[in-house]
Amino acid sequence: MSTGFVLKEGSKLFFKGRRISFAAAAIFAVVLSIVGVFALGTFYLLSFKNEIESRLEVVAFLSPDANSEELVGEFETLEGIVSGSAVSSQEALEEFRKDLGEDAELLDILDENPLPPSIRLKLTPEYRSRAQLDALECKLLLFDGVEEVWVDRNLLGKLNTFLYILLGADAFVLLLVGFSAVLVTMLATRFAILDRRRIIDLYWLMGVHPRTLRAPYVIEGLFEGLFGSIVAYGIVFALHLILYSLVGSMGFPAWKLAAILLGLGLLFGWLGSGLAIDAFKLKRT
């Protein structure tokens, strides 16, 4: 099979059958843009989740007579803890006063400081899951002077739940638009085969191998997927620029998104053209 012949015929099918091929590429661009938007949203959520988790702290509240500096040293030897910082009762009260803002004067009615001393612990990434946090809490409570351990598990749970929902939506959208893209490629390939039926019969009489006849139509489907993925990437990138101008400080997964859209475009184009060829069987009538 001549590679040059296959590429030439495939390019001819795509560029000469402009209406059908370009319409298929346009539909590819639309469905892949939808995939790209969901992928971008998932990336944003993952980045937000990682940022929130990086700020996650475990707070160990101490008894008034506990040696906080000694406990910090002991805590830092535990697996999963990066560093610890002691916070006195007075420091905790001043931070609380700042958080209250204009309402800070309400604290003046207190006869004594109700806030206990504490130690704030920063964690390694692998210790930011709910199971690891539960295990760490049990370890910290074993130390003398530790009265209570606090961590905002609810926030982690809500982030994980929303992430799972979004990933499920990603999978559903991918199946839906994937079916649409494959169907469009099948129709475009079928029209191209019907349009060139006489030439195909002539090639059969010349003894051209069936795979040589099939390959140009696969190339046409790949071209449709390629052009659709390029346009879809531009659309998603433009959307990102708009969001960045409104929100700011939002990263863009350029290479990851390009790989996803290009890979899906070529995959759908190959599947659609291949299924159309198998259904039509490209045999002489």
Protein backbone atom coordinates (compact mmCIF):
# COMPACT_ATOMS: atom_id res chain seq x y z
CA MET A 1 0.00 0.00 0.00
CA SER A 2 1.45 3.35 -1.08
CA THR A 3 1.53 5.86 1.78
CA GLY A 4 1.68 8.72 -0.68
CA PHE A 5 -1.40 7.46 -2.51
CA VAL A 6 -3.37 7.07 0.73
CA LEU A 7 -2.49 10.55 2.02
CA LYS A 8 -3.21 12.12 -1.37
CA GLU A 9 -6.60 10.43 -1.68
CA GLY A 10 -7.49 11.17 1.95
CA SER A 11 -6.62 14.86 1.56
CA LYS A 12 -8.59 14.99 -1.68
CA LEU A 13 -11.64 13.52 0.03
CA PHE A 14 -11.47 16.08 2.83
CA PHE A 15 -10.70 19.23 0.87
CA LYS A 16 -12.77 18.51 -2.23
CA GLY A 17 -15.83 17.33 -0.35
CA ARG A 18 -15.87 20.66 1.44
CA ARG A 19 -19.47 20.91 2.45
CA ILE A 20 -19.75 17.48 4.03
CA SER A 21 -16.22 17.30 5.46
CA PHE A 22 -16.20 20.85 6.81
CA ALA A 23 -19.67 20.39 8.28
CA ALA A 24 -18.42 17.26 10.04
CA ALA A 25 -15.34 19.15 11.28
CA ALA A 26 -17.60 21.97 12.54
CA ILE A 27 -19.75 19.52 14.49
CA PHE A 28 -16.56 17.98 15.84
CA ALA A 29 -15.51 21.46 17.01
CA VAL A 30 -18.82 21.95 18.83
CA VAL A 31 -18.88 18.59 20.62
CA LEU A 32 -15.18 18.74 21.50
CA SER A 33 -15.65 22.29 22.82
CA ILE A 34 -18.23 20.91 25.23
CA VAL A 35 -15.73 18.26 26.35
CA GLY A 36 -13.06 20.95 26.66
CA VAL A 37 -15.26 23.17 28.82
CA PHE A 38 -15.99 20.32 31.22
CA ALA A 39 -12.30 19.35 31.27
CA LEU A 40 -11.35 22.95 32.01
CA GLY A 41 -13.91 23.14 34.81
CA THR A 42 -12.52 19.92 36.29
CA PHE A 43 -9.00 21.35 36.16
CA TYR A 44 -10.17 24.53 37.89
CA LEU A 45 -11.84 22.50 40.65
CA LEU A 46 -8.78 20.30 41.12
CA SER A 47 -6.57 23.40 41.37
CA PHE A 48 -8.96 24.97 43.89
CA LYS A 49 -9.13 21.73 45.89
CA ASN A 50 -5.32 21.46 45.98
CA GLU A 51 -5.04 25.09 47.09
CA ILE A 52 -7.57 24.59 49.88
CA GLU A 53 -5.86 21.39 50.99
CA SER A 54 -2.47 23.11 51.01
CA ARG A 55 -3.87 25.57 53.58
CA LEU A 56 -5.45 22.85 55.68
CA GLU A 57 -4.26 22.81 59.26
CA VAL A 58 -4.82 20.51 62.18
CA VAL A 59 -5.21 22.41 65.45
CA ALA A 60 -4.39 20.69 68.72
CA PHE A 61 -5.88 22.54 71.70
CA LEU A 62 -3.80 22.25 74.87
CA SER A 63 -4.38 22.40 78.57
CA PRO A 64 -3.15 25.63 80.26
CA ASP A 65 -0.16 23.90 81.90
CA ALA A 66 1.02 22.06 78.76
CA ASN A 67 4.54 22.71 77.40
CA SER A 68 3.68 23.83 73.87
CA GLU A 69 7.27 24.10 72.61
CA GLU A 70 8.08 20.58 73.72
CA LEU A 71 4.90 19.26 72.12
CA VAL A 72 5.72 21.01 68.82
CA GLY A 73 9.02 19.12 68.68
CA GLU A 74 7.29 15.82 69.41
CA PHE A 75 4.52 16.46 66.85
CA GLU A 76 7.03 17.24 64.11
CA THR A 77 8.47 13.76 64.44
CA LEU A 78 5.12 12.21 63.49
CA GLU A 79 4.54 10.96 59.98
CA GLY A 80 2.44 13.33 57.87
CA ILE A 81 3.32 16.52 59.77
CA VAL A 82 5.50 19.09 57.99
CA SER A 83 5.73 21.71 60.71
CA GLY A 84 4.03 23.01 63.83
CA SER A 85 3.64 26.42 65.41
CA ALA A 86 2.56 27.20 68.96
CA VAL A 87 -0.16 29.79 69.52
CA SER A 88 -0.64 31.19 73.02
CA SER A 89 -4.00 32.10 74.48
CA GLN A 90 -3.26 35.80 74.05
CA GLU A 91 -2.22 35.38 70.41
CA ALA A 92 -5.36 33.40 69.70
CA LEU A 93 -7.47 36.16 71.28
CA GLU A 94 -5.78 38.86 69.18
CA GLU A 95 -6.39 36.87 65.98
CA PHE A 96 -10.01 36.36 66.96
CA ARG A 97 -10.31 40.10 67.59
CA LYS A 98 -9.00 40.84 64.08
CA ASP A 99 -11.44 38.35 62.55
CA LEU A 100 -14.36 40.04 64.29
CA GLY A 101 -13.41 43.43 62.89
CA GLU A 102 -15.90 46.09 63.99
CA ASP A 103 -17.52 43.64 66.40
CA ALA A 104 -14.26 43.11 68.31
CA GLU A 105 -15.46 45.38 71.10
CA LEU A 106 -17.81 42.58 72.17
CA LEU A 107 -14.77 40.79 73.60
CA ASP A 108 -14.24 43.59 76.13
CA ILE A 109 -17.09 42.26 78.25
CA LEU A 110 -15.14 39.05 78.96
CA ASP A 111 -13.55 38.80 82.39
CA GLU A 112 -10.87 36.37 81.18
CA ASN A 113 -9.50 34.94 77.97
CA PRO A 114 -11.58 31.83 77.12
CA LEU A 115 -9.31 30.65 74.31
CA PRO A 116 -6.85 27.85 75.15
CA PRO A 117 -3.29 27.64 73.86
CA SER A 118 -2.92 25.54 70.74
CA ILE A 119 -0.54 24.12 68.17
CA ARG A 120 -1.22 24.48 64.44
CA LEU A 121 0.13 21.69 62.29
CA LYS A 122 0.74 21.73 58.53
CA LEU A 123 0.38 18.38 56.78
CA THR A 124 1.96 16.57 53.88
CA PRO A 125 -0.33 16.08 50.81
CA GLU A 126 -0.92 12.37 51.49
CA TYR A 127 -2.24 13.15 54.97
CA ARG A 128 -5.03 15.43 53.75
CA SER A 129 -7.59 12.69 53.27
CA ARG A 130 -10.36 12.04 55.78
CA ALA A 131 -9.02 8.62 56.79
CA GLN A 132 -5.50 9.92 57.42
CA LEU A 133 -6.86 12.86 59.39
CA ASP A 134 -8.84 10.53 61.64
CA ALA A 135 -5.74 8.42 62.26
CA LEU A 136 -3.64 11.51 63.01
CA GLU A 137 -6.24 12.84 65.43
CA CYS A 138 -6.10 9.60 67.42
CA LYS A 139 -2.30 9.85 67.65
CA LEU A 140 -2.35 13.48 68.81
CA LEU A 141 -4.91 12.79 71.53
CA LEU A 142 -2.49 10.29 73.10
CA PHE A 143 -0.07 13.09 74.07
CA ASP A 144 -0.27 14.53 77.57
CA GLY A 145 -1.57 18.08 77.50
CA VAL A 146 -3.67 17.68 74.33
CA GLU A 147 -7.34 18.17 75.18
CA GLU A 148 -8.93 18.39 71.74
CA VAL A 149 -7.97 18.14 68.06
CA TRP A 150 -9.84 20.09 65.38
CA VAL A 151 -9.80 19.95 61.57
CA ASP A 152 -12.42 21.08 59.06
CA ARG A 153 -13.41 17.69 57.61
CA ASN A 154 -16.70 19.00 56.25
CA LEU A 155 -14.96 21.26 53.76
CA LEU A 156 -12.88 18.38 52.45
CA GLY A 157 -15.96 16.20 52.19
CA LYS A 158 -17.89 18.83 50.22
CA LEU A 159 -14.99 19.40 47.83
CA ASN A 160 -14.58 15.67 47.21
CA THR A 161 -18.32 15.20 46.68
CA PHE A 162 -18.49 18.04 44.18
CA LEU A 163 -15.42 16.70 42.40
CA TYR A 164 -16.96 13.23 42.05
CA ILE A 165 -20.16 14.76 40.68
CA LEU A 166 -18.19 16.76 38.13
CA LEU A 167 -16.16 13.72 37.08
CA GLY A 168 -19.39 11.78 36.62
CA ALA A 169 -20.76 14.62 34.48
CA ASP A 170 -17.52 14.55 32.48
CA ALA A 171 -17.96 10.85 31.76
CA PHE A 172 -21.62 11.30 30.74
CA VAL A 173 -20.84 14.23 28.44
CA LEU A 174 -17.91 12.35 26.92
CA LEU A 175 -20.12 9.38 26.07
CA LEU A 176 -22.86 11.60 24.66
CA VAL A 177 -20.69 13.82 22.49
CA GLY A 178 -18.49 10.88 21.53
CA PHE A 179 -21.51 9.07 20.12
CA SER A 180 -22.53 12.23 18.25
CA ALA A 181 -19.05 12.71 16.78
CA VAL A 182 -18.77 9.08 15.67
CA LEU A 183 -22.23 9.22 14.08
CA VAL A 184 -21.37 12.40 12.17
CA THR A 185 -18.13 10.86 10.87
CA MET A 186 -19.99 7.75 9.78
CA LEU A 187 -22.47 9.83 7.78
CA ALA A 188 -19.74 11.96 6.20
CA THR A 189 -17.74 8.86 5.23
CA ARG A 190 -20.83 7.16 3.83
CA PHE A 191 -21.60 10.15 1.61
CA ALA A 192 -17.98 10.24 0.44
CA ILE A 193 -18.10 6.54 -0.50
CA LEU A 194 -21.37 6.98 -2.38
CA ASP A 195 -19.99 9.99 -4.21
CA ARG A 196 -16.90 8.05 -5.38
CA ARG A 197 -18.60 4.74 -6.08
CA ARG A 198 -17.59 4.65 -9.74
CA ILE A 199 -13.95 5.39 -8.95
CA ILE A 200 -13.97 2.64 -6.31
CA ASP A 201 -15.29 0.15 -8.88
CA LEU A 202 -12.54 1.22 -11.26
CA TYR A 203 -9.90 0.64 -8.59
CA TRP A 204 -11.36 -2.80 -7.97
CA LEU A 205 -10.97 -3.64 -11.67
CA MET A 206 -7.36 -2.43 -11.48
CA GLY A 207 -6.72 -4.86 -8.63
CA VAL A 208 -6.16 -2.28 -5.88
CA HIS A 209 -5.95 -3.93 -2.44
CA PRO A 210 -9.04 -3.42 -0.20
CA ARG A 211 -6.96 -1.84 2.56
CA THR A 212 -5.68 0.72 0.06
CA LEU A 213 -9.28 1.59 -0.79
CA ARG A 214 -10.29 1.84 2.85
CA ALA A 215 -7.36 3.90 4.13
CA PRO A 216 -8.21 7.26 2.43
CA TYR A 217 -11.60 7.32 4.13
CA VAL A 218 -9.94 6.73 7.50
CA ILE A 219 -7.56 9.60 6.71
CA GLU A 220 -10.56 11.79 5.90
CA GLY A 221 -12.11 10.97 9.29
CA LEU A 222 -8.82 11.77 11.03
CA PHE A 223 -8.66 15.12 9.21
CA GLU A 224 -12.17 15.95 10.40
CA GLY A 225 -11.24 15.09 13.98
CA LEU A 226 -7.97 17.04 13.73
CA PHE A 227 -9.54 20.24 12.42
CA GLY A 228 -12.40 19.97 14.92
CA SER A 229 -10.01 19.56 17.85
CA ILE A 230 -7.92 22.57 16.77
CA VAL A 231 -11.00 24.80 16.56
CA ALA A 232 -12.31 23.44 19.88
CA TYR A 233 -8.98 24.20 21.57
CA GLY A 234 -9.19 27.80 20.34
CA ILE A 235 -12.75 28.14 21.65
CA VAL A 236 -11.86 26.77 25.10
CA PHE A 237 -8.73 28.95 25.28
CA ALA A 238 -10.80 32.04 24.42
CA LEU A 239 -13.25 31.11 27.19
CA HIS A 240 -10.34 30.77 29.62
CA LEU A 241 -9.07 34.25 28.68
CA ILE A 242 -12.52 35.70 29.38
CA LEU A 243 -12.70 34.00 32.78
CA TYR A 244 -9.13 35.05 33.56
CA SER A 245 -9.97 38.69 32.83
CA LEU A 246 -12.93 38.47 35.23
CA VAL A 247 -11.45 36.35 38.02
CA GLY A 248 -7.69 36.29 37.49
CA SER A 249 -5.07 33.91 38.90
CA MET A 250 -6.45 30.93 36.98
CA GLY A 251 -3.99 28.53 35.36
CA PHE A 252 -4.55 26.96 31.96
CA PRO A 253 -3.63 23.28 31.34
CA ALA A 254 -2.41 23.95 27.80
CA TRP A 255 -0.67 20.67 27.04
CA LYS A 256 -3.09 18.47 28.93
CA LEU A 257 -6.12 20.03 27.26
CA ALA A 258 -4.47 19.88 23.83
CA ALA A 259 -3.68 16.19 24.33
CA ILE A 260 -7.26 15.44 25.45
CA LEU A 261 -8.94 17.27 22.55
CA LEU A 262 -6.51 16.03 19.90
CA GLY A 263 -6.65 12.46 21.17
CA LEU A 264 -10.45 12.42 21.31
CA GLY A 265 -10.77 14.10 17.91
CA LEU A 266 -8.54 11.54 16.22
CA LEU A 267 -10.16 8.67 18.11
CA PHE A 268 -13.71 9.68 17.17
CA GLY A 269 -12.67 10.33 13.57
CA TRP A 270 -11.00 6.94 13.30
CA LEU A 271 -13.92 5.10 14.93
CA GLY A 272 -16.57 6.84 12.84
CA SER A 273 -14.85 6.31 9.50
CA GLY A 274 -13.93 2.73 10.36
CA LEU A 275 -17.49 1.83 11.34
CA ALA A 276 -18.87 3.44 8.17
CA ILE A 277 -16.42 1.51 6.02
CA ASP A 278 -17.28 -1.78 7.75
CA ALA A 279 -21.00 -1.10 7.33
CA PHE A 280 -20.56 -0.26 3.66
CA LYS A 281 -18.00 -3.05 3.19
CA LEU A 282 -16.43 -1.29 0.20
CA LYS A 283 -17.00 -4.21 -2.07
CA ARG A 284 -17.85 -4.21 -5.72
CA THR A 285 -21.54 -4.46 -6.51
